[in-house]
Amino acid sequence: MRAFKGTFKKKNGESRDMLFAKISDLPQAFLDSEIGHGAGSEQTYAEGMELVWDLEADNYRVFNWATIESDPKELFIDEGKVT
C-alpha cells in the first residue's frame, strides 16, 4: 500500500511529522471493517487540507499540503500492517 511521511506546519506554528495513507489508497477491506462506508466523505476542507489516515495514531487526521516543510516521501508498506 502506498503511504507518505511528511512534515507540515500546524496553525500554532509547530511542526508536525505524520506517517499517513490517503483514504483512496487504503485497502477496501480495511475501509469496510474499520472506517465504514463513506466515513469522512461528507466533510469539506480548506484548500490544501486533506483527510488522511494517520498510520501511527490509527485514526483520521488532516494533512496540510499548503504548509509542507519538504516534499513528503512516498513509501510502500505491507497492507497487513494497517490495523
PDB file of N, CA and C in Angstrom:
ATOM      1  N   MET A   1       0.843  -1.171   0.000  1.00  0.00           N
ATOM      2  CA  MET A   1       0.000   0.000   0.000  1.00  0.00           C
ATOM      3  C   MET A   1       0.890   1.237   0.000  1.00  0.00           C
ATOM      4  N   ARG A   2       0.457   2.236  -0.714  1.00  0.00           N
ATOM      5  CA  ARG A   2       1.190   3.493  -0.770  1.00  0.00           C
ATOM      6  C   ARG A   2       0.918   4.309   0.489  1.00  0.00           C
ATOM      7  N   ALA A   3       1.980   4.881   1.047  1.00  0.00           N
ATOM      8  CA  ALA A   3       1.869   5.732   2.231  1.00  0.00           C
ATOM      9  C   ALA A   3       2.850   6.895   2.058  1.00  0.00           C
ATOM     10  N   PHE A   4       2.763   7.857   2.947  1.00  0.00           N
ATOM     11  CA  PHE A   4       3.622   9.037   2.881  1.00  0.00           C
ATOM     12  C   PHE A   4       4.124   9.389   4.270  1.00  0.00           C
ATOM     13  N   LYS A   5       5.315   9.949   4.321  1.00  0.00           N
ATOM     14  CA  LYS A   5       5.847  10.510   5.558  1.00  0.00           C
ATOM     15  C   LYS A   5       6.185  11.952   5.240  1.00  0.00           C
ATOM     16  N   GLY A   6       5.536  12.866   5.956  1.00  0.00           N
ATOM     17  CA  GLY A   6       5.727  14.279   5.668  1.00  0.00           C
ATOM     18  C   GLY A   6       5.642  15.131   6.917  1.00  0.00           C
ATOM     19  N   THR A   7       6.125  16.349   6.773  1.00  0.00           N
ATOM     20  CA  THR A   7       6.095  17.315   7.863  1.00  0.00           C
ATOM     21  C   THR A   7       5.430  18.582   7.357  1.00  0.00           C
ATOM     22  N   PHE A   8       4.526  19.101   8.160  1.00  0.00           N
ATOM     23  CA  PHE A   8       3.883  20.369   7.824  1.00  0.00           C
ATOM     24  C   PHE A   8       3.818  21.224   9.071  1.00  0.00           C
ATOM     25  N   LYS A   9       3.553  22.487   8.875  1.00  0.00           N
ATOM     26  CA  LYS A   9       3.440  23.424   9.986  1.00  0.00           C
ATOM     27  C   LYS A   9       1.974  23.541  10.372  1.00  0.00           C
ATOM     28  N   LYS A  10       1.701  23.313  11.663  1.00  0.00           N
ATOM     29  CA  LYS A  10       0.341  23.417  12.180  1.00  0.00           C
ATOM     30  C   LYS A  10      -0.046  24.894  12.340  1.00  0.00           C
ATOM     31  N   LYS A  11      -1.327  25.145  12.598  1.00  0.00           N
ATOM     32  CA  LYS A  11      -1.813  26.521  12.775  1.00  0.00           C
ATOM     33  C   LYS A  11      -1.056  27.268  13.861  1.00  0.00           C
ATOM     34  N   ASN A  12      -0.636  26.560  14.909  1.00  0.00           N
ATOM     35  CA  ASN A  12       0.067  27.212  16.019  1.00  0.00           C
ATOM     36  C   ASN A  12       1.562  27.406  15.745  1.00  0.00           C
ATOM     37  N   GLY A  13       2.016  27.022  14.542  1.00  0.00           N
ATOM     38  CA  GLY A  13       3.406  27.217  14.161  1.00  0.00           C
ATOM     39  C   GLY A  13       4.313  26.037  14.434  1.00  0.00           C
ATOM     40  N   GLU A  14       3.821  25.043  15.167  1.00  0.00           N
ATOM     41  CA  GLU A  14       4.629  23.857  15.441  1.00  0.00           C
ATOM     42  C   GLU A  14       4.697  22.968  14.210  1.00  0.00           C
ATOM     43  N   SER A  15       5.817  22.237  14.086  1.00  0.00           N
ATOM     44  CA  SER A  15       5.956  21.257  13.010  1.00  0.00           C
ATOM     45  C   SER A  15       5.277  19.959  13.427  1.00  0.00           C
ATOM     46  N   ARG A  16       4.670  19.302  12.462  1.00  0.00           N
ATOM     47  CA  ARG A  16       4.000  18.022  12.718  1.00  0.00           C
ATOM     48  C   ARG A  16       4.502  17.010  11.714  1.00  0.00           C
ATOM     49  N   ASP A  17       5.119  15.922  12.217  1.00  0.00           N
ATOM     50  CA  ASP A  17       5.519  14.795  11.370  1.00  0.00           C
ATOM     51  C   ASP A  17       4.356  13.825  11.337  1.00  0.00           C
ATOM     52  N   MET A  18       4.096  13.265  10.162  1.00  0.00           N
ATOM     53  CA  MET A  18       2.987  12.329  10.059  1.00  0.00           C
ATOM     54  C   MET A  18       3.315  11.233   9.056  1.00  0.00           C
ATOM     55  N   LEU A  19       3.027  10.005   9.437  1.00  0.00           N
ATOM     56  CA  LEU A  19       3.073   8.855   8.550  1.00  0.00           C
ATOM     57  C   LEU A  19       1.616   8.544   8.231  1.00  0.00           C
ATOM     58  N   PHE A  20       1.241   8.672   6.978  1.00  0.00           N
ATOM     59  CA  PHE A  20      -0.179   8.574   6.649  1.00  0.00           C
ATOM     60  C   PHE A  20      -0.418   7.919   5.299  1.00  0.00           C
ATOM     61  N   ALA A  21      -1.653   7.485   5.129  1.00  0.00           N
ATOM     62  CA  ALA A  21      -2.128   6.974   3.844  1.00  0.00           C
ATOM     63  C   ALA A  21      -3.301   7.833   3.411  1.00  0.00           C
ATOM     64  N   LYS A  22      -3.354   8.095   2.129  1.00  0.00           N
ATOM     65  CA  LYS A  22      -4.531   8.782   1.599  1.00  0.00           C
ATOM     66  C   LYS A  22      -5.698   7.803   1.669  1.00  0.00           C
ATOM     67  N   ILE A  23      -6.862   8.326   1.927  1.00  0.00           N
ATOM     68  CA  ILE A  23      -8.050   7.470   2.067  1.00  0.00           C
ATOM     69  C   ILE A  23      -8.229   6.614   0.814  1.00  0.00           C
ATOM     70  N   SER A  24      -7.959   7.182  -0.355  1.00  0.00           N
ATOM     71  CA  SER A  24      -8.135   6.443  -1.614  1.00  0.00           C
ATOM     72  C   SER A  24      -7.125   5.303  -1.774  1.00  0.00           C
ATOM     73  N   ASP A  25      -6.046   5.295  -0.999  1.00  0.00           N
ATOM     74  CA  ASP A  25      -5.031   4.247  -1.087  1.00  0.00           C
ATOM     75  C   ASP A  25      -5.227   3.125  -0.069  1.00  0.00           C
ATOM     76  N   LEU A  26      -6.164   3.292   0.864  1.00  0.00           N
ATOM     77  CA  LEU A  26      -6.383   2.265   1.877  1.00  0.00           C
ATOM     78  C   LEU A  26      -7.065   1.047   1.270  1.00  0.00           C
ATOM     79  N   PRO A  27      -6.723  -0.136   1.750  1.00  0.00           N
ATOM     80  CA  PRO A  27      -7.372  -1.354   1.243  1.00  0.00           C
ATOM     81  C   PRO A  27      -8.878  -1.324   1.508  1.00  0.00           C
ATOM     82  N   GLN A  28      -9.649  -1.790   0.559  1.00  0.00           N
ATOM     83  CA  GLN A  28     -11.105  -1.763   0.692  1.00  0.00           C
ATOM     84  C   GLN A  28     -11.579  -2.529   1.914  1.00  0.00           C
ATOM     85  N   ALA A  29     -10.952  -3.656   2.213  1.00  0.00           N
ATOM     86  CA  ALA A  29     -11.361  -4.438   3.381  1.00  0.00           C
ATOM     87  C   ALA A  29     -11.174  -3.623   4.664  1.00  0.00           C
ATOM     88  N   PHE A  30     -10.109  -2.852   4.739  1.00  0.00           N
ATOM     89  CA  PHE A  30      -9.865  -2.002   5.903  1.00  0.00           C
ATOM     90  C   PHE A  30     -10.937  -0.921   5.994  1.00  0.00           C
ATOM     91  N   LEU A  31     -11.224  -0.284   4.875  1.00  0.00           N
ATOM     92  CA  LEU A  31     -12.259   0.753   4.859  1.00  0.00           C
ATOM     93  C   LEU A  31     -13.599   0.201   5.324  1.00  0.00           C
ATOM     94  N   ASP A  32     -13.944  -0.971   4.832  1.00  0.00           N
ATOM     95  CA  ASP A  32     -15.234  -1.579   5.178  1.00  0.00           C
ATOM     96  C   ASP A  32     -15.316  -1.955   6.655  1.00  0.00           C
ATOM     97  N   SER A  33     -14.238  -2.509   7.193  1.00  0.00           N
ATOM     98  CA  SER A  33     -14.306  -3.023   8.561  1.00  0.00           C
ATOM     99  C   SER A  33     -13.968  -1.987   9.624  1.00  0.00           C
ATOM    100  N   GLU A  34     -13.036  -1.119   9.357  1.00  0.00           N
ATOM    101  CA  GLU A  34     -12.551  -0.194  10.376  1.00  0.00           C
ATOM    102  C   GLU A  34     -13.154   1.200  10.287  1.00  0.00           C
ATOM    103  N   ILE A  35     -13.391   1.653   9.094  1.00  0.00           N
ATOM    104  CA  ILE A  35     -13.829   3.037   8.927  1.00  0.00           C
ATOM    105  C   ILE A  35     -15.302   3.118   8.579  1.00  0.00           C
ATOM    106  N   GLY A  36     -15.791   2.191   7.814  1.00  0.00           N
ATOM    107  CA  GLY A  36     -17.190   2.226   7.401  1.00  0.00           C
ATOM    108  C   GLY A  36     -17.337   2.858   6.032  1.00  0.00           C
ATOM    109  N   HIS A  37     -18.436   2.619   5.431  1.00  0.00           N
ATOM    110  CA  HIS A  37     -18.695   3.124   4.079  1.00  0.00           C
ATOM    111  C   HIS A  37     -18.869   4.630   4.083  1.00  0.00           C
ATOM    112  N   GLY A  38     -18.056   5.326   3.296  1.00  0.00           N
ATOM    113  CA  GLY A  38     -18.210   6.762   3.120  1.00  0.00           C
ATOM    114  C   GLY A  38     -17.824   7.603   4.314  1.00  0.00           C
ATOM    115  N   ALA A  39     -17.192   7.026   5.315  1.00  0.00           N
ATOM    116  CA  ALA A  39     -16.836   7.789   6.512  1.00  0.00           C
ATOM    117  C   ALA A  39     -15.941   8.961   6.140  1.00  0.00           C
ATOM    118  N   GLY A  40     -16.261  10.102   6.660  1.00  0.00           N
ATOM    119  CA  GLY A  40     -15.449  11.287   6.434  1.00  0.00           C
ATOM    120  C   GLY A  40     -15.684  11.975   5.109  1.00  0.00           C
ATOM    121  N   SER A  41     -16.462  11.379   4.232  1.00  0.00           N
ATOM    122  CA  SER A  41     -16.622  11.949   2.895  1.00  0.00           C
ATOM    123  C   SER A  41     -17.555  13.161   2.881  1.00  0.00           C
ATOM    124  N   GLU A  42     -18.362  13.347   3.921  1.00  0.00           N
ATOM    125  CA  GLU A  42     -19.301  14.461   3.945  1.00  0.00           C
ATOM    126  C   GLU A  42     -18.605  15.785   4.256  1.00  0.00           C
ATOM    127  N   GLN A  43     -17.499  15.726   4.961  1.00  0.00           N
ATOM    128  CA  GLN A  43     -16.772  16.915   5.403  1.00  0.00           C
ATOM    129  C   GLN A  43     -16.019  17.551   4.236  1.00  0.00           C
ATOM    130  N   THR A  44     -16.017  18.862   4.197  1.00  0.00           N
ATOM    131  CA  THR A  44     -15.193  19.566   3.221  1.00  0.00           C
ATOM    132  C   THR A  44     -14.088  20.295   3.975  1.00  0.00           C
ATOM    133  N   TYR A  45     -12.953  20.459   3.329  1.00  0.00           N
ATOM    134  CA  TYR A  45     -11.782  21.042   3.960  1.00  0.00           C
ATOM    135  C   TYR A  45     -11.277  22.211   3.135  1.00  0.00           C
ATOM    136  N   ALA A  46     -10.588  23.119   3.804  1.00  0.00           N
ATOM    137  CA  ALA A  46      -9.999  24.273   3.123  1.00  0.00           C
ATOM    138  C   ALA A  46      -8.987  23.786   2.093  1.00  0.00           C
ATOM    139  N   GLU A  47      -8.724  24.621   1.126  1.00  0.00           N
ATOM    140  CA  GLU A  47      -7.763  24.271   0.087  1.00  0.00           C
ATOM    141  C   GLU A  47      -6.417  23.908   0.711  1.00  0.00           C
ATOM    142  N   GLY A  48      -5.840  22.812   0.250  1.00  0.00           N
ATOM    143  CA  GLY A  48      -4.567  22.341   0.763  1.00  0.00           C
ATOM    144  C   GLY A  48      -4.692  21.353   1.898  1.00  0.00           C
ATOM    145  N   MET A  49      -5.880  21.226   2.477  1.00  0.00           N
ATOM    146  CA  MET A  49      -6.107  20.309   3.584  1.00  0.00           C
ATOM    147  C   MET A  49      -6.705  19.014   3.036  1.00  0.00           C
ATOM    148  N   GLU A  50      -6.194  17.880   3.520  1.00  0.00           N
ATOM    149  CA  GLU A  50      -6.686  16.585   3.039  1.00  0.00           C
ATOM    150  C   GLU A  50      -6.903  15.637   4.204  1.00  0.00           C
ATOM    151  N   LEU A  51      -8.058  15.012   4.230  1.00  0.00           N
ATOM    152  CA  LEU A  51      -8.342  13.982   5.211  1.00  0.00           C
ATOM    153  C   LEU A  51      -7.506  12.758   4.860  1.00  0.00           C
ATOM    154  N   VAL A  52      -6.758  12.245   5.842  1.00  0.00           N
ATOM    155  CA  VAL A  52      -5.899  11.080   5.644  1.00  0.00           C
ATOM    156  C   VAL A  52      -6.071  10.139   6.829  1.00  0.00           C
ATOM    157  N   TRP A  53      -5.485   8.959   6.724  1.00  0.00           N
ATOM    158  CA  TRP A  53      -5.459   8.014   7.836  1.00  0.00           C
ATOM    159  C   TRP A  53      -4.051   8.011   8.398  1.00  0.00           C
ATOM    160  N   ASP A  54      -3.895   8.482   9.645  1.00  0.00           N
ATOM    161  CA  ASP A  54      -2.595   8.527  10.325  1.00  0.00           C
ATOM    162  C   ASP A  54      -2.267   7.111  10.761  1.00  0.00           C
ATOM    163  N   LEU A  55      -1.207   6.552  10.197  1.00  0.00           N
ATOM    164  CA  LEU A  55      -0.850   5.160  10.457  1.00  0.00           C
ATOM    165  C   LEU A  55      -0.256   4.943  11.847  1.00  0.00           C
ATOM    166  N   GLU A  56       0.225   5.992  12.478  1.00  0.00           N
ATOM    167  CA  GLU A  56       0.765   5.863  13.826  1.00  0.00           C
ATOM    168  C   GLU A  56      -0.321   6.095  14.881  1.00  0.00           C
ATOM    169  N   ALA A  57      -1.186   7.058  14.642  1.00  0.00           N
ATOM    170  CA  ALA A  57      -2.276   7.346  15.588  1.00  0.00           C
ATOM    171  C   ALA A  57      -3.469   6.418  15.374  1.00  0.00           C
ATOM    172  N   ASP A  58      -3.498   5.731  14.215  1.00  0.00           N
ATOM    173  CA  ASP A  58      -4.580   4.812  13.879  1.00  0.00           C
ATOM    174  C   ASP A  58      -5.930   5.522  13.912  1.00  0.00           C
ATOM    175  N   ASN A  59      -5.960   6.687  13.235  1.00  0.00           N
ATOM    176  CA  ASN A  59      -7.180   7.483  13.209  1.00  0.00           C
ATOM    177  C   ASN A  59      -7.099   8.496  12.077  1.00  0.00           C
ATOM    178  N   TYR A  60      -8.240   9.127  11.813  1.00  0.00           N
ATOM    179  CA  TYR A  60      -8.257  10.216  10.835  1.00  0.00           C
ATOM    180  C   TYR A  60      -7.419  11.385  11.330  1.00  0.00           C
ATOM    181  N   ARG A  61      -6.777  12.065  10.404  1.00  0.00           N
ATOM    182  CA  ARG A  61      -6.113  13.329  10.670  1.00  0.00           C
ATOM    183  C   ARG A  61      -6.236  14.147   9.388  1.00  0.00           C
ATOM    184  N   VAL A  62      -5.935  15.414   9.493  1.00  0.00           N
ATOM    185  CA  VAL A  62      -5.923  16.288   8.312  1.00  0.00           C
ATOM    186  C   VAL A  62      -4.479  16.692   8.061  1.00  0.00           C
ATOM    187  N   PHE A  63      -4.008  16.432   6.856  1.00  0.00           N
ATOM    188  CA  PHE A  63      -2.660  16.826   6.456  1.00  0.00           C
ATOM    189  C   PHE A  63      -2.763  18.141   5.690  1.00  0.00           C
ATOM    190  N   ASN A  64      -1.899  19.097   6.035  1.00  0.00           N
ATOM    191  CA  ASN A  64      -1.938  20.425   5.406  1.00  0.00           C
ATOM    192  C   ASN A  64      -0.854  20.513   4.336  1.00  0.00           C
ATOM    193  N   TRP A  65      -1.244  20.281   3.102  1.00  0.00           N
ATOM    194  CA  TRP A  65      -0.307  20.343   1.976  1.00  0.00           C
ATOM    195  C   TRP A  65       0.160  21.772   1.726  1.00  0.00           C
ATOM    196  N   ALA A  66      -0.583  22.758   2.168  1.00  0.00           N
ATOM    197  CA  ALA A  66      -0.226  24.165   1.920  1.00  0.00           C
ATOM    198  C   ALA A  66       0.956  24.619   2.770  1.00  0.00           C
ATOM    199  N   THR A  67       1.256  23.894   3.859  1.00  0.00           N
ATOM    200  CA  THR A  67       2.350  24.325   4.735  1.00  0.00           C
ATOM    201  C   THR A  67       3.425  23.253   4.895  1.00  0.00           C
ATOM    202  N   ILE A  68       3.586  22.387   3.869  1.00  0.00           N
ATOM    203  CA  ILE A  68       4.608  21.349   3.980  1.00  0.00           C
ATOM    204  C   ILE A  68       5.986  21.985   4.090  1.00  0.00           C
ATOM    205  N   GLU A  69       6.845  21.349   4.857  1.00  0.00           N
ATOM    206  CA  GLU A  69       8.200  21.855   5.060  1.00  0.00           C
ATOM    207  C   GLU A  69       9.179  21.241   4.067  1.00  0.00           C
ATOM    208  N   SER A  70       8.835  20.108   3.492  1.00  0.00           N
ATOM    209  CA  SER A  70       9.578  19.480   2.406  1.00  0.00           C
ATOM    210  C   SER A  70       8.632  18.480   1.754  1.00  0.00           C
ATOM    211  N   ASP A  71       8.951  18.075   0.548  1.00  0.00           N
ATOM    212  CA  ASP A  71       8.070  17.135  -0.135  1.00  0.00           C
ATOM    213  C   ASP A  71       7.967  15.838   0.662  1.00  0.00           C
ATOM    214  N   PRO A  72       6.738  15.379   0.936  1.00  0.00           N
ATOM    215  CA  PRO A  72       6.577  14.113   1.643  1.00  0.00           C
ATOM    216  C   PRO A  72       7.215  12.964   0.859  1.00  0.00           C
ATOM    217  N   LYS A  73       7.794  12.026   1.593  1.00  0.00           N
ATOM    218  CA  LYS A  73       8.406  10.856   0.975  1.00  0.00           C
ATOM    219  C   LYS A  73       7.340   9.789   0.790  1.00  0.00           C
ATOM    220  N   GLU A  74       7.311   9.213  -0.395  1.00  0.00           N
ATOM    221  CA  GLU A  74       6.368   8.142  -0.682  1.00  0.00           C
ATOM    222  C   GLU A  74       6.984   6.816  -0.255  1.00  0.00           C
ATOM    223  N   LEU A  75       6.207   6.011   0.455  1.00  0.00           N
ATOM    224  CA  LEU A  75       6.645   4.716   0.952  1.00  0.00           C
ATOM    225  C   LEU A  75       5.650   3.649   0.520  1.00  0.00           C
ATOM    226  N   PHE A  76       6.077   2.422   0.564  1.00  0.00           N
ATOM    227  CA  PHE A  76       5.157   1.315   0.328  1.00  0.00           C
ATOM    228  C   PHE A  76       5.250   0.405   1.540  1.00  0.00           C
ATOM    229  N   ILE A  77       4.098   0.138   2.162  1.00  0.00           N
ATOM    230  CA  ILE A  77       4.066  -0.683   3.366  1.00  0.00           C
ATOM    231  C   ILE A  77       3.155  -1.878   3.147  1.00  0.00           C
ATOM    232  N   ASP A  78       3.386  -2.903   3.924  1.00  0.00           N
ATOM    233  CA  ASP A  78       2.585  -4.113   3.879  1.00  0.00           C
ATOM    234  C   ASP A  78       1.167  -3.797   4.330  1.00  0.00           C
ATOM    235  N   GLU A  79       0.170  -4.149   3.538  1.00  0.00           N
ATOM    236  CA  GLU A  79      -1.225  -3.864   3.888  1.00  0.00           C
ATOM    237  C   GLU A  79      -1.625  -4.538   5.193  1.00  0.00           C
ATOM    238  N   GLY A  80      -0.950  -5.591   5.579  1.00  0.00           N
ATOM    239  CA  GLY A  80      -1.250  -6.284   6.822  1.00  0.00           C
ATOM    240  C   GLY A  80      -0.898  -5.453   8.042  1.00  0.00           C
ATOM    241  N   LYS A  81      -0.088  -4.416   7.868  1.00  0.00           N
ATOM    242  CA  LYS A  81       0.295  -3.562   8.981  1.00  0.00           C
ATOM    243  C   LYS A  81      -0.742  -2.474   9.248  1.00  0.00           C
ATOM    244  N   VAL A  82      -1.724  -2.333   8.389  1.00  0.00           N
ATOM    245  CA  VAL A  82      -2.782  -1.349   8.584  1.00  0.00           C
ATOM    246  C   VAL A  82      -3.828  -2.009   9.473  1.00  0.00           C
ATOM    247  N   THR A  83      -3.925  -1.521  10.723  1.00  0.00           N
ATOM    248  CA  THR A  83      -4.878  -2.096  11.660  1.00  0.00           C
ATOM    249  C   THR A  83      -5.731  -1.030  12.266  1.00  0.00           C
TER     250      THR A  83
END
